[in-house]
Amino acid sequence: MLNLENKAFQIFGLPDSGKSTLANFILNQYGKSAFVYDTLAEFSDEPYDSYVPKNRGSVAELEQVIRNAMACRRYKLIYIDELNRFCPSKPAPLPQAIADINDWRAHYGLVFGGAARRPVQLNQDLTELAHYLFIFKLTGKNDIQYLNDMSEGLGDLVKALAPYHFVVLNPGRDYQVYSPVPIEFKTSKKLTA
């Protein structure tokens, strides 16, 4: 596993490409010192802590829960699933709690991560300030162009990825392809109404 200590990361990819499986793998590495804001109720409560929002569209609920998770000082990793729902692309501002954790996570001794299907739907401060981007297959022309602008050839590579393989874009903006995460980390919860 990459050294994520005091780092930020984002995970992108088409539905059923492996995003949640990778997130579950990372969360398992941190055990009870990991917290997930489980927007779609697909993560387990073991070995890490998860919170399923009462209103999965509420930015106020997200902010309160994230502030509480940061304040308890127990967590070393805070992860938000479907982050683009709360932090859409600019010119929309980031919710203050997310701006704080994104800007000052190292001062809190935190790893901060999130997932979105498409990089162009996520606030650019989260994408461009992330140390690592984990990118599964994407096919949208705007996403491909955005990734090619970020690192030459990245978007073209992502478009051609084999199922469940992913690219890691490193802090130096070089990248490499990784094989699928072991299937035992596949999440199993299903969205409830």
N, C-alpha and C. Protein backbone atom coordinates (compact mmCIF):
# COMPACT_ATOMS: atom_id res chain seq x y z
N MET A 1 0.84 -1.19 0.00
CA MET A 1 0.00 0.00 0.00
C MET A 1 0.88 1.25 0.00
N LEU A 2 0.42 2.29 -0.65
CA LEU A 2 1.14 3.56 -0.66
C LEU A 2 1.12 4.16 0.75
N ASN A 3 2.10 4.98 1.04
CA ASN A 3 2.11 5.68 2.31
C ASN A 3 1.17 6.87 2.22
N LEU A 4 0.03 6.77 2.84
CA LEU A 4 -0.98 7.83 2.79
C LEU A 4 -0.93 8.75 4.01
N GLU A 5 0.01 8.56 4.89
CA GLU A 5 0.07 9.34 6.13
C GLU A 5 0.03 10.84 5.84
N ASN A 6 -0.95 11.52 6.44
CA ASN A 6 -1.15 12.96 6.30
C ASN A 6 -1.37 13.40 4.85
N LYS A 7 -1.88 12.51 4.03
CA LYS A 7 -2.07 12.80 2.61
C LYS A 7 -3.56 12.85 2.28
N ALA A 8 -3.84 13.36 1.09
CA ALA A 8 -5.21 13.39 0.56
C ALA A 8 -5.24 12.54 -0.70
N PHE A 9 -6.38 11.87 -0.91
CA PHE A 9 -6.55 11.08 -2.12
C PHE A 9 -7.99 11.15 -2.58
N GLN A 10 -8.19 10.91 -3.86
CA GLN A 10 -9.52 10.82 -4.44
C GLN A 10 -9.57 9.58 -5.32
N ILE A 11 -10.75 8.96 -5.38
CA ILE A 11 -10.96 7.77 -6.21
C ILE A 11 -12.04 8.10 -7.23
N PHE A 12 -11.78 7.79 -8.50
CA PHE A 12 -12.72 8.05 -9.58
C PHE A 12 -12.95 6.79 -10.40
N GLY A 13 -14.10 6.69 -11.04
CA GLY A 13 -14.36 5.58 -11.95
C GLY A 13 -15.83 5.40 -12.22
N LEU A 14 -16.09 4.68 -13.29
CA LEU A 14 -17.46 4.35 -13.67
C LEU A 14 -18.12 3.51 -12.57
N PRO A 15 -19.45 3.44 -12.56
CA PRO A 15 -20.13 2.55 -11.61
C PRO A 15 -19.65 1.10 -11.79
N ASP A 16 -19.50 0.40 -10.69
CA ASP A 16 -19.07 -1.00 -10.68
C ASP A 16 -17.68 -1.22 -11.25
N SER A 17 -16.83 -0.21 -11.15
CA SER A 17 -15.47 -0.35 -11.68
C SER A 17 -14.47 -0.80 -10.62
N GLY A 18 -14.84 -0.68 -9.32
CA GLY A 18 -13.95 -1.09 -8.25
C GLY A 18 -13.64 -0.01 -7.23
N LYS A 19 -14.28 1.16 -7.33
CA LYS A 19 -14.01 2.27 -6.41
C LYS A 19 -14.24 1.88 -4.95
N SER A 20 -15.41 1.32 -4.66
CA SER A 20 -15.75 0.96 -3.28
C SER A 20 -14.87 -0.17 -2.76
N THR A 21 -14.49 -1.09 -3.63
CA THR A 21 -13.61 -2.19 -3.22
C THR A 21 -12.26 -1.64 -2.81
N LEU A 22 -11.71 -0.72 -3.59
CA LEU A 22 -10.43 -0.09 -3.24
C LEU A 22 -10.56 0.70 -1.94
N ALA A 23 -11.65 1.48 -1.82
CA ALA A 23 -11.85 2.25 -0.59
C ALA A 23 -11.93 1.32 0.62
N ASN A 24 -12.65 0.22 0.50
CA ASN A 24 -12.77 -0.74 1.59
C ASN A 24 -11.40 -1.33 1.96
N PHE A 25 -10.59 -1.61 0.95
CA PHE A 25 -9.23 -2.10 1.19
C PHE A 25 -8.42 -1.09 2.00
N ILE A 26 -8.47 0.18 1.59
CA ILE A 26 -7.73 1.24 2.30
C ILE A 26 -8.27 1.40 3.71
N LEU A 27 -9.59 1.46 3.87
CA LEU A 27 -10.19 1.62 5.19
C LEU A 27 -9.81 0.47 6.12
N ASN A 28 -9.76 -0.74 5.60
CA ASN A 28 -9.37 -1.90 6.40
C ASN A 28 -7.95 -1.78 6.93
N GLN A 29 -7.08 -1.13 6.20
CA GLN A 29 -5.69 -0.96 6.66
C GLN A 29 -5.63 -0.11 7.93
N TYR A 30 -6.61 0.77 8.11
CA TYR A 30 -6.64 1.67 9.27
C TYR A 30 -7.53 1.16 10.40
N GLY A 31 -8.37 0.17 10.13
CA GLY A 31 -9.21 -0.42 11.17
C GLY A 31 -10.05 0.62 11.89
N LYS A 32 -10.08 0.55 13.22
CA LYS A 32 -10.91 1.43 14.04
C LYS A 32 -10.43 2.88 14.04
N SER A 33 -9.30 3.16 13.42
CA SER A 33 -8.88 4.55 13.31
C SER A 33 -9.33 5.16 11.97
N ALA A 34 -10.24 4.46 11.27
CA ALA A 34 -10.80 4.97 10.02
C ALA A 34 -12.29 5.23 10.19
N PHE A 35 -12.75 6.28 9.53
CA PHE A 35 -14.16 6.67 9.55
C PHE A 35 -14.62 6.91 8.12
N VAL A 36 -15.79 6.37 7.77
CA VAL A 36 -16.35 6.59 6.44
C VAL A 36 -17.74 7.22 6.55
N TYR A 37 -17.93 8.30 5.82
CA TYR A 37 -19.25 8.90 5.65
C TYR A 37 -19.86 8.15 4.49
N ASP A 38 -20.76 7.24 4.80
CA ASP A 38 -21.25 6.20 3.89
C ASP A 38 -22.54 6.65 3.20
N THR A 39 -22.41 7.52 2.23
CA THR A 39 -23.55 8.16 1.57
C THR A 39 -24.57 7.17 1.03
N LEU A 40 -24.11 6.05 0.46
CA LEU A 40 -25.03 5.09 -0.16
C LEU A 40 -25.19 3.80 0.63
N ALA A 41 -24.77 3.80 1.88
CA ALA A 41 -24.94 2.65 2.78
C ALA A 41 -24.39 1.36 2.19
N GLU A 42 -23.14 1.40 1.72
CA GLU A 42 -22.56 0.19 1.14
C GLU A 42 -21.34 -0.34 1.88
N PHE A 43 -20.89 0.36 2.90
CA PHE A 43 -19.73 -0.09 3.65
C PHE A 43 -20.17 -0.76 4.94
N SER A 44 -19.29 -1.56 5.48
CA SER A 44 -19.59 -2.28 6.72
C SER A 44 -19.25 -1.39 7.92
N ASP A 45 -19.54 -1.86 9.09
CA ASP A 45 -19.15 -1.15 10.31
C ASP A 45 -17.91 -1.78 10.93
N GLU A 46 -17.34 -2.75 10.31
CA GLU A 46 -16.16 -3.43 10.84
C GLU A 46 -15.14 -3.60 9.75
N PRO A 47 -13.88 -3.42 9.98
CA PRO A 47 -13.26 -3.07 11.25
C PRO A 47 -13.21 -1.57 11.52
N TYR A 48 -13.74 -0.77 10.62
CA TYR A 48 -13.72 0.69 10.77
C TYR A 48 -15.11 1.18 11.17
N ASP A 49 -15.23 2.48 11.42
CA ASP A 49 -16.52 3.07 11.77
C ASP A 49 -17.14 3.72 10.54
N SER A 50 -18.45 3.56 10.40
CA SER A 50 -19.15 4.20 9.29
C SER A 50 -20.39 4.92 9.79
N TYR A 51 -20.79 5.91 9.04
CA TYR A 51 -21.99 6.68 9.36
C TYR A 51 -22.82 6.78 8.09
N VAL A 52 -24.07 6.33 8.15
CA VAL A 52 -25.00 6.46 7.04
C VAL A 52 -25.86 7.68 7.34
N PRO A 53 -25.86 8.68 6.46
CA PRO A 53 -26.62 9.90 6.76
C PRO A 53 -28.13 9.66 6.77
N LYS A 54 -28.80 10.42 7.62
CA LYS A 54 -30.26 10.37 7.67
C LYS A 54 -30.84 10.99 6.40
N ASN A 55 -30.16 12.03 5.90
CA ASN A 55 -30.55 12.70 4.65
C ASN A 55 -29.31 12.77 3.77
N ARG A 56 -29.18 11.86 2.82
CA ARG A 56 -27.95 11.78 2.04
C ARG A 56 -27.70 12.96 1.12
N GLY A 57 -28.62 13.93 1.10
CA GLY A 57 -28.39 15.15 0.33
C GLY A 57 -28.06 16.35 1.19
N SER A 58 -27.96 16.16 2.50
CA SER A 58 -27.78 17.27 3.43
C SER A 58 -26.31 17.63 3.63
N VAL A 59 -25.93 18.81 3.17
CA VAL A 59 -24.57 19.30 3.39
C VAL A 59 -24.38 19.63 4.88
N ALA A 60 -25.43 20.14 5.53
CA ALA A 60 -25.34 20.48 6.95
C ALA A 60 -25.04 19.23 7.78
N GLU A 61 -25.71 18.11 7.47
CA GLU A 61 -25.45 16.86 8.19
C GLU A 61 -24.02 16.39 7.95
N LEU A 62 -23.58 16.44 6.70
CA LEU A 62 -22.19 16.07 6.37
C LEU A 62 -21.21 16.90 7.19
N GLU A 63 -21.40 18.21 7.19
CA GLU A 63 -20.46 19.08 7.90
C GLU A 63 -20.42 18.76 9.40
N GLN A 64 -21.58 18.55 10.01
CA GLN A 64 -21.63 18.26 11.43
C GLN A 64 -20.91 16.94 11.75
N VAL A 65 -21.19 15.93 10.96
CA VAL A 65 -20.59 14.61 11.20
C VAL A 65 -19.07 14.66 10.99
N ILE A 66 -18.62 15.34 9.94
CA ILE A 66 -17.18 15.42 9.67
C ILE A 66 -16.49 16.24 10.75
N ARG A 67 -17.08 17.32 11.18
CA ARG A 67 -16.48 18.11 12.28
C ARG A 67 -16.36 17.26 13.56
N ASN A 68 -17.40 16.47 13.87
CA ASN A 68 -17.34 15.60 15.04
C ASN A 68 -16.26 14.54 14.89
N ALA A 69 -16.13 13.97 13.71
CA ALA A 69 -15.09 12.96 13.47
C ALA A 69 -13.69 13.55 13.62
N MET A 70 -13.52 14.77 13.14
CA MET A 70 -12.22 15.44 13.27
C MET A 70 -11.93 15.77 14.73
N ALA A 71 -12.96 16.22 15.46
CA ALA A 71 -12.77 16.67 16.84
C ALA A 71 -12.46 15.53 17.80
N CYS A 72 -12.92 14.34 17.51
CA CYS A 72 -12.73 13.24 18.47
C CYS A 72 -11.27 12.78 18.52
N ARG A 73 -10.49 13.12 17.53
CA ARG A 73 -9.04 12.82 17.48
C ARG A 73 -8.72 11.33 17.49
N ARG A 74 -9.73 10.49 17.33
CA ARG A 74 -9.50 9.05 17.28
C ARG A 74 -9.15 8.57 15.88
N TYR A 75 -9.65 9.30 14.89
CA TYR A 75 -9.51 8.85 13.51
C TYR A 75 -8.23 9.36 12.86
N LYS A 76 -7.61 8.48 12.11
CA LYS A 76 -6.43 8.82 11.31
C LYS A 76 -6.79 8.97 9.84
N LEU A 77 -7.96 8.40 9.45
CA LEU A 77 -8.42 8.49 8.07
C LEU A 77 -9.91 8.82 8.07
N ILE A 78 -10.28 9.84 7.31
CA ILE A 78 -11.68 10.19 7.11
C ILE A 78 -11.94 10.11 5.61
N TYR A 79 -12.96 9.32 5.27
CA TYR A 79 -13.28 9.05 3.87
C TYR A 79 -14.76 9.39 3.63
N ILE A 80 -15.04 10.06 2.52
CA ILE A 80 -16.41 10.44 2.18
C ILE A 80 -16.76 9.83 0.82
N ASP A 81 -17.77 8.97 0.81
CA ASP A 81 -18.22 8.35 -0.42
C ASP A 81 -19.16 9.31 -1.16
N GLU A 82 -19.13 9.27 -2.48
CA GLU A 82 -19.97 10.14 -3.32
C GLU A 82 -19.74 11.61 -2.97
N LEU A 83 -18.49 11.98 -2.84
CA LEU A 83 -18.10 13.32 -2.40
C LEU A 83 -18.59 14.42 -3.33
N ASN A 84 -18.73 14.11 -4.62
CA ASN A 84 -19.19 15.13 -5.57
C ASN A 84 -20.61 15.61 -5.28
N ARG A 85 -21.41 14.82 -4.56
CA ARG A 85 -22.76 15.25 -4.21
C ARG A 85 -22.73 16.45 -3.26
N PHE A 86 -21.67 16.59 -2.50
CA PHE A 86 -21.54 17.67 -1.52
C PHE A 86 -20.56 18.75 -1.97
N CYS A 87 -19.69 18.40 -2.90
CA CYS A 87 -18.61 19.30 -3.31
C CYS A 87 -18.54 19.36 -4.84
N PRO A 88 -19.58 19.92 -5.48
CA PRO A 88 -19.57 19.96 -6.94
C PRO A 88 -18.49 20.88 -7.48
N SER A 89 -18.25 20.72 -8.75
CA SER A 89 -17.22 21.49 -9.45
C SER A 89 -17.38 22.99 -9.23
N LYS A 90 -16.27 23.72 -9.32
CA LYS A 90 -16.33 25.18 -9.22
C LYS A 90 -17.17 25.72 -10.36
N PRO A 91 -17.87 26.80 -10.11
CA PRO A 91 -17.63 27.82 -9.10
C PRO A 91 -18.29 27.56 -7.75
N ALA A 92 -18.93 26.41 -7.54
CA ALA A 92 -19.52 26.11 -6.24
C ALA A 92 -18.42 26.06 -5.17
N PRO A 93 -18.63 26.72 -4.04
CA PRO A 93 -17.62 26.68 -2.98
C PRO A 93 -17.68 25.34 -2.23
N LEU A 94 -16.57 24.99 -1.61
CA LEU A 94 -16.55 23.81 -0.76
C LEU A 94 -17.29 24.10 0.54
N PRO A 95 -18.02 23.12 1.09
CA PRO A 95 -18.53 23.29 2.45
C PRO A 95 -17.34 23.55 3.39
N GLN A 96 -17.52 24.40 4.38
CA GLN A 96 -16.40 24.83 5.21
C GLN A 96 -15.66 23.68 5.88
N ALA A 97 -16.39 22.69 6.38
CA ALA A 97 -15.72 21.55 7.04
C ALA A 97 -14.83 20.79 6.05
N ILE A 98 -15.27 20.68 4.80
CA ILE A 98 -14.48 19.99 3.79
C ILE A 98 -13.28 20.84 3.39
N ALA A 99 -13.47 22.14 3.25
CA ALA A 99 -12.34 23.03 2.96
C ALA A 99 -11.29 22.94 4.06
N ASP A 100 -11.75 22.89 5.31
CA ASP A 100 -10.81 22.81 6.44
C ASP A 100 -10.01 21.51 6.42
N ILE A 101 -10.68 20.39 6.25
CA ILE A 101 -9.97 19.11 6.27
C ILE A 101 -9.07 19.01 5.03
N ASN A 102 -9.49 19.54 3.91
CA ASN A 102 -8.66 19.50 2.70
C ASN A 102 -7.41 20.35 2.86
N ASP A 103 -7.55 21.52 3.47
CA ASP A 103 -6.42 22.43 3.62
C ASP A 103 -5.51 22.09 4.80
N TRP A 104 -6.09 21.59 5.89
CA TRP A 104 -5.33 21.45 7.13
C TRP A 104 -5.22 20.03 7.64
N ARG A 105 -5.52 19.02 6.80
CA ARG A 105 -5.51 17.64 7.25
C ARG A 105 -4.19 17.25 7.89
N ALA A 106 -3.08 17.73 7.36
CA ALA A 106 -1.77 17.36 7.92
C ALA A 106 -1.61 17.91 9.34
N HIS A 107 -2.18 19.06 9.62
CA HIS A 107 -2.10 19.63 10.97
C HIS A 107 -2.93 18.82 11.97
N TYR A 108 -3.94 18.13 11.46
CA TYR A 108 -4.75 17.25 12.30
C TYR A 108 -4.19 15.83 12.34
N GLY A 109 -3.17 15.56 11.54
CA GLY A 109 -2.61 14.21 11.45
C GLY A 109 -3.55 13.25 10.76
N LEU A 110 -4.26 13.73 9.74
CA LEU A 110 -5.30 12.93 9.07
C LEU A 110 -4.95 12.58 7.63
N VAL A 111 -5.46 11.45 7.22
CA VAL A 111 -5.56 11.10 5.81
C VAL A 111 -6.99 11.46 5.43
N PHE A 112 -7.17 12.13 4.30
CA PHE A 112 -8.50 12.51 3.84
C PHE A 112 -8.71 11.98 2.43
N GLY A 113 -9.80 11.25 2.24
CA GLY A 113 -10.09 10.71 0.92
C GLY A 113 -11.56 10.77 0.61
N GLY A 114 -11.84 10.62 -0.68
CA GLY A 114 -13.21 10.60 -1.13
C GLY A 114 -13.33 9.90 -2.47
N ALA A 115 -14.55 9.70 -2.89
CA ALA A 115 -14.81 9.06 -4.18
C ALA A 115 -15.88 9.81 -4.92
N ALA A 116 -15.73 9.81 -6.23
CA ALA A 116 -16.71 10.38 -7.15
C ALA A 116 -16.62 9.59 -8.44
N ARG A 117 -17.67 9.58 -9.18
CA ARG A 117 -17.61 8.86 -10.45
C ARG A 117 -16.73 9.59 -11.45
N ARG A 118 -16.88 10.91 -11.53
CA ARG A 118 -16.20 11.67 -12.57
C ARG A 118 -15.37 12.80 -11.97
N PRO A 119 -14.13 12.95 -12.39
CA PRO A 119 -13.31 14.05 -11.86
C PRO A 119 -13.86 15.43 -12.22
N VAL A 120 -14.53 15.58 -13.36
CA VAL A 120 -15.04 16.90 -13.72
C VAL A 120 -16.24 17.31 -12.88
N GLN A 121 -16.84 16.38 -12.13
CA GLN A 121 -17.97 16.71 -11.27
C GLN A 121 -17.53 17.09 -9.86
N LEU A 122 -16.26 16.91 -9.53
CA LEU A 122 -15.77 17.17 -8.17
C LEU A 122 -15.05 18.52 -8.13
N ASN A 123 -15.21 19.22 -7.04
CA ASN A 123 -14.55 20.50 -6.86
C ASN A 123 -13.05 20.34 -7.11
N GLN A 124 -12.51 21.22 -7.94
CA GLN A 124 -11.11 21.12 -8.36
C GLN A 124 -10.12 21.26 -7.20
N ASP A 125 -10.49 21.93 -6.12
CA ASP A 125 -9.58 22.02 -4.98
C ASP A 125 -9.32 20.63 -4.39
N LEU A 126 -10.32 19.77 -4.43
CA LEU A 126 -10.14 18.41 -3.90
C LEU A 126 -9.30 17.56 -4.84
N THR A 127 -9.52 17.72 -6.13
CA THR A 127 -8.78 16.92 -7.12
C THR A 127 -7.34 17.40 -7.24
N GLU A 128 -7.16 18.68 -7.39
CA GLU A 128 -5.83 19.21 -7.69
C GLU A 128 -4.92 19.31 -6.48
N LEU A 129 -5.48 19.28 -5.28
CA LEU A 129 -4.65 19.28 -4.07
C LEU A 129 -4.44 17.88 -3.51
N ALA A 130 -5.05 16.88 -4.12
CA ALA A 130 -4.86 15.50 -3.67
C ALA A 130 -3.45 15.04 -4.01
N HIS A 131 -2.85 14.31 -3.09
CA HIS A 131 -1.53 13.74 -3.36
C HIS A 131 -1.63 12.59 -4.35
N TYR A 132 -2.69 11.78 -4.18
CA TYR A 132 -2.88 10.62 -5.04
C TYR A 132 -4.28 10.63 -5.62
N LEU A 133 -4.36 10.27 -6.90
CA LEU A 133 -5.64 10.00 -7.54
C LEU A 133 -5.63 8.54 -7.95
N PHE A 134 -6.67 7.82 -7.55
CA PHE A 134 -6.87 6.43 -7.95
C PHE A 134 -7.98 6.46 -9.00
N ILE A 135 -7.67 6.05 -10.21
CA ILE A 135 -8.61 6.24 -11.30
C ILE A 135 -8.89 4.91 -12.01
N PHE A 136 -10.14 4.50 -11.94
CA PHE A 136 -10.61 3.33 -12.67
C PHE A 136 -11.10 3.80 -14.04
N LYS A 137 -11.58 2.89 -14.84
CA LYS A 137 -12.00 3.20 -16.20
C LYS A 137 -13.00 4.36 -16.23
N LEU A 138 -12.73 5.29 -17.14
CA LEU A 138 -13.64 6.40 -17.44
C LEU A 138 -13.74 6.51 -18.95
N THR A 139 -14.88 6.95 -19.44
CA THR A 139 -15.06 7.06 -20.89
C THR A 139 -15.57 8.42 -21.34
N GLY A 140 -16.00 9.26 -20.44
CA GLY A 140 -16.53 10.57 -20.81
C GLY A 140 -15.45 11.46 -21.42
N LYS A 141 -15.77 12.13 -22.53
CA LYS A 141 -14.76 12.92 -23.23
C LYS A 141 -14.22 14.06 -22.36
N ASN A 142 -15.07 14.67 -21.52
CA ASN A 142 -14.59 15.75 -20.65
C ASN A 142 -13.65 15.23 -19.58
N ASP A 143 -13.95 14.05 -19.03
CA ASP A 143 -13.06 13.44 -18.04
C ASP A 143 -11.72 13.08 -18.67
N ILE A 144 -11.75 12.49 -19.86
CA ILE A 144 -10.53 12.08 -20.55
C ILE A 144 -9.66 13.31 -20.83
N GLN A 145 -10.28 14.38 -21.31
CA GLN A 145 -9.51 15.61 -21.60
C GLN A 145 -8.93 16.20 -20.32
N TYR A 146 -9.73 16.23 -19.27
CA TYR A 146 -9.26 16.77 -17.98
C TYR A 146 -8.04 15.99 -17.49
N LEU A 147 -8.10 14.66 -17.57
CA LEU A 147 -6.98 13.83 -17.12
C LEU A 147 -5.77 13.99 -18.03
N ASN A 148 -5.98 14.10 -19.34
CA ASN A 148 -4.86 14.34 -20.26
C ASN A 148 -4.20 15.68 -19.99
N ASP A 149 -5.00 16.68 -19.60
CA ASP A 149 -4.44 17.98 -19.24
C ASP A 149 -3.64 17.90 -17.94
N MET A 150 -4.04 17.01 -17.05
CA MET A 150 -3.37 16.84 -15.77
C MET A 150 -2.00 16.16 -15.94
N SER A 151 -1.96 15.14 -16.79
CA SER A 151 -0.72 14.41 -17.05
C SER A 151 -0.83 13.77 -18.44
N GLU A 152 0.10 14.08 -19.29
CA GLU A 152 0.03 13.65 -20.69
C GLU A 152 -0.22 12.14 -20.83
N GLY A 153 -1.28 11.80 -21.56
CA GLY A 153 -1.62 10.41 -21.83
C GLY A 153 -2.45 9.72 -20.77
N LEU A 154 -2.66 10.37 -19.62
CA LEU A 154 -3.40 9.74 -18.52
C LEU A 154 -4.84 9.41 -18.92
N GLY A 155 -5.53 10.36 -19.52
CA GLY A 155 -6.91 10.13 -19.90
C GLY A 155 -7.05 9.01 -20.92
N ASP A 156 -6.15 8.97 -21.88
CA ASP A 156 -6.19 7.92 -22.89
C ASP A 156 -5.96 6.55 -22.26
N LEU A 157 -5.05 6.47 -21.30
CA LEU A 157 -4.79 5.22 -20.60
C LEU A 157 -6.01 4.76 -19.81
N VAL A 158 -6.64 5.69 -19.08
CA VAL A 158 -7.80 5.37 -18.26
C VAL A 158 -8.96 4.86 -19.13
N LYS A 159 -9.12 5.43 -20.29
CA LYS A 159 -10.19 5.01 -21.21
C LYS A 159 -10.01 3.56 -21.65
N ALA A 160 -8.76 3.09 -21.69
CA ALA A 160 -8.47 1.74 -22.18
C ALA A 160 -8.22 0.72 -21.07
N LEU A 161 -8.43 1.08 -19.82
CA LEU A 161 -8.14 0.17 -18.71
C LEU A 161 -8.97 -1.11 -18.77
N ALA A 162 -8.36 -2.21 -18.37
CA ALA A 162 -9.07 -3.48 -18.23
C ALA A 162 -10.00 -3.39 -17.02
N PRO A 163 -11.04 -4.22 -16.98
CA PRO A 163 -11.97 -4.19 -15.84
C PRO A 163 -11.25 -4.32 -14.49
N TYR A 164 -11.64 -3.46 -13.57
CA TYR A 164 -11.18 -3.44 -12.18
C TYR A 164 -9.72 -3.03 -12.00
N HIS A 165 -8.99 -2.78 -13.06
CA HIS A 165 -7.65 -2.23 -12.97
C HIS A 165 -7.78 -0.73 -12.74
N PHE A 166 -6.75 -0.14 -12.16
CA PHE A 166 -6.80 1.30 -11.91
C PHE A 166 -5.42 1.90 -12.05
N VAL A 167 -5.41 3.20 -12.25
CA VAL A 167 -4.18 3.97 -12.36
C VAL A 167 -4.02 4.76 -11.08
N VAL A 168 -2.80 4.84 -10.58
CA VAL A 168 -2.49 5.73 -9.47
C VAL A 168 -1.67 6.89 -10.03
N LEU A 169 -2.21 8.09 -9.89
CA LEU A 169 -1.50 9.31 -10.25
C LEU A 169 -0.79 9.77 -8.99
N ASN A 170 0.53 9.80 -9.04
CA ASN A 170 1.36 10.12 -7.88
C ASN A 170 1.55 11.62 -7.71
N PRO A 171 2.11 12.06 -6.57
CA PRO A 171 2.30 13.49 -6.33
C PRO A 171 3.11 14.19 -7.43
N GLY A 172 4.08 13.51 -8.04
CA GLY A 172 4.86 14.09 -9.12
C GLY A 172 4.14 14.09 -10.45
N ARG A 173 2.90 13.60 -10.44
CA ARG A 173 2.01 13.49 -11.60
C ARG A 173 2.50 12.49 -12.64
N ASP A 174 3.34 11.54 -12.19
CA ASP A 174 3.60 10.34 -12.98
C ASP A 174 2.56 9.31 -12.54
N TYR A 175 2.42 8.25 -13.30
CA TYR A 175 1.36 7.30 -12.99
C TYR A 175 1.77 5.88 -13.37
N GLN A 176 1.05 4.94 -12.75
CA GLN A 176 1.24 3.53 -13.08
C GLN A 176 -0.07 2.78 -12.90
N VAL A 177 -0.21 1.67 -13.63
CA VAL A 177 -1.41 0.84 -13.59
C VAL A 177 -1.25 -0.22 -12.52
N TYR A 178 -2.34 -0.46 -11.77
CA TYR A 178 -2.38 -1.48 -10.74
C TYR A 178 -3.42 -2.53 -11.09
N SER A 179 -3.18 -3.75 -10.64
CA SER A 179 -4.13 -4.85 -10.81
C SER A 179 -5.31 -4.69 -9.86
N PRO A 180 -6.38 -5.42 -10.09
CA PRO A 180 -7.56 -5.31 -9.21
C PRO A 180 -7.24 -5.61 -7.74
N VAL A 181 -8.00 -4.96 -6.87
CA VAL A 181 -7.92 -5.23 -5.43
C VAL A 181 -8.54 -6.61 -5.20
N PRO A 182 -8.02 -7.38 -4.24
CA PRO A 182 -8.60 -8.71 -3.98
C PRO A 182 -10.11 -8.64 -3.74
N ILE A 183 -10.83 -9.59 -4.29
CA ILE A 183 -12.29 -9.62 -4.28
C ILE A 183 -12.88 -9.65 -2.86
N GLU A 184 -12.12 -10.12 -1.88
CA GLU A 184 -12.67 -10.17 -0.52
C GLU A 184 -12.94 -8.78 0.08
N PHE A 185 -12.44 -7.72 -0.59
CA PHE A 185 -12.70 -6.37 -0.11
C PHE A 185 -13.91 -5.73 -0.79
N LYS A 186 -14.61 -6.48 -1.63
CA LYS A 186 -15.81 -5.96 -2.29
C LYS A 186 -16.85 -5.64 -1.23
N THR A 187 -17.47 -4.46 -1.36
CA THR A 187 -18.51 -4.08 -0.41
C THR A 187 -19.80 -4.80 -0.76
N SER A 188 -20.69 -4.94 0.24
CA SER A 188 -21.88 -5.73 -0.02
C SER A 188 -23.19 -5.06 0.37
N LYS A 189 -23.15 -3.99 1.14
CA LYS A 189 -24.41 -3.35 1.51
C LYS A 189 -25.09 -2.78 0.30
N LYS A 190 -26.39 -2.74 0.35
CA LYS A 190 -27.19 -2.18 -0.74
C LYS A 190 -27.95 -0.95 -0.26
N LEU A 191 -28.11 -0.01 -1.15
CA LEU A 191 -28.83 1.22 -0.86
C LEU A 191 -30.27 0.90 -0.46
N THR A 192 -30.70 1.53 0.61
CA THR A 192 -32.08 1.40 1.03
C THR A 192 -32.78 2.75 0.80
N ALA A 193 -34.06 2.72 0.58
CA ALA A 193 -34.82 3.94 0.24
C ALA A 193 -34.81 4.94 1.35
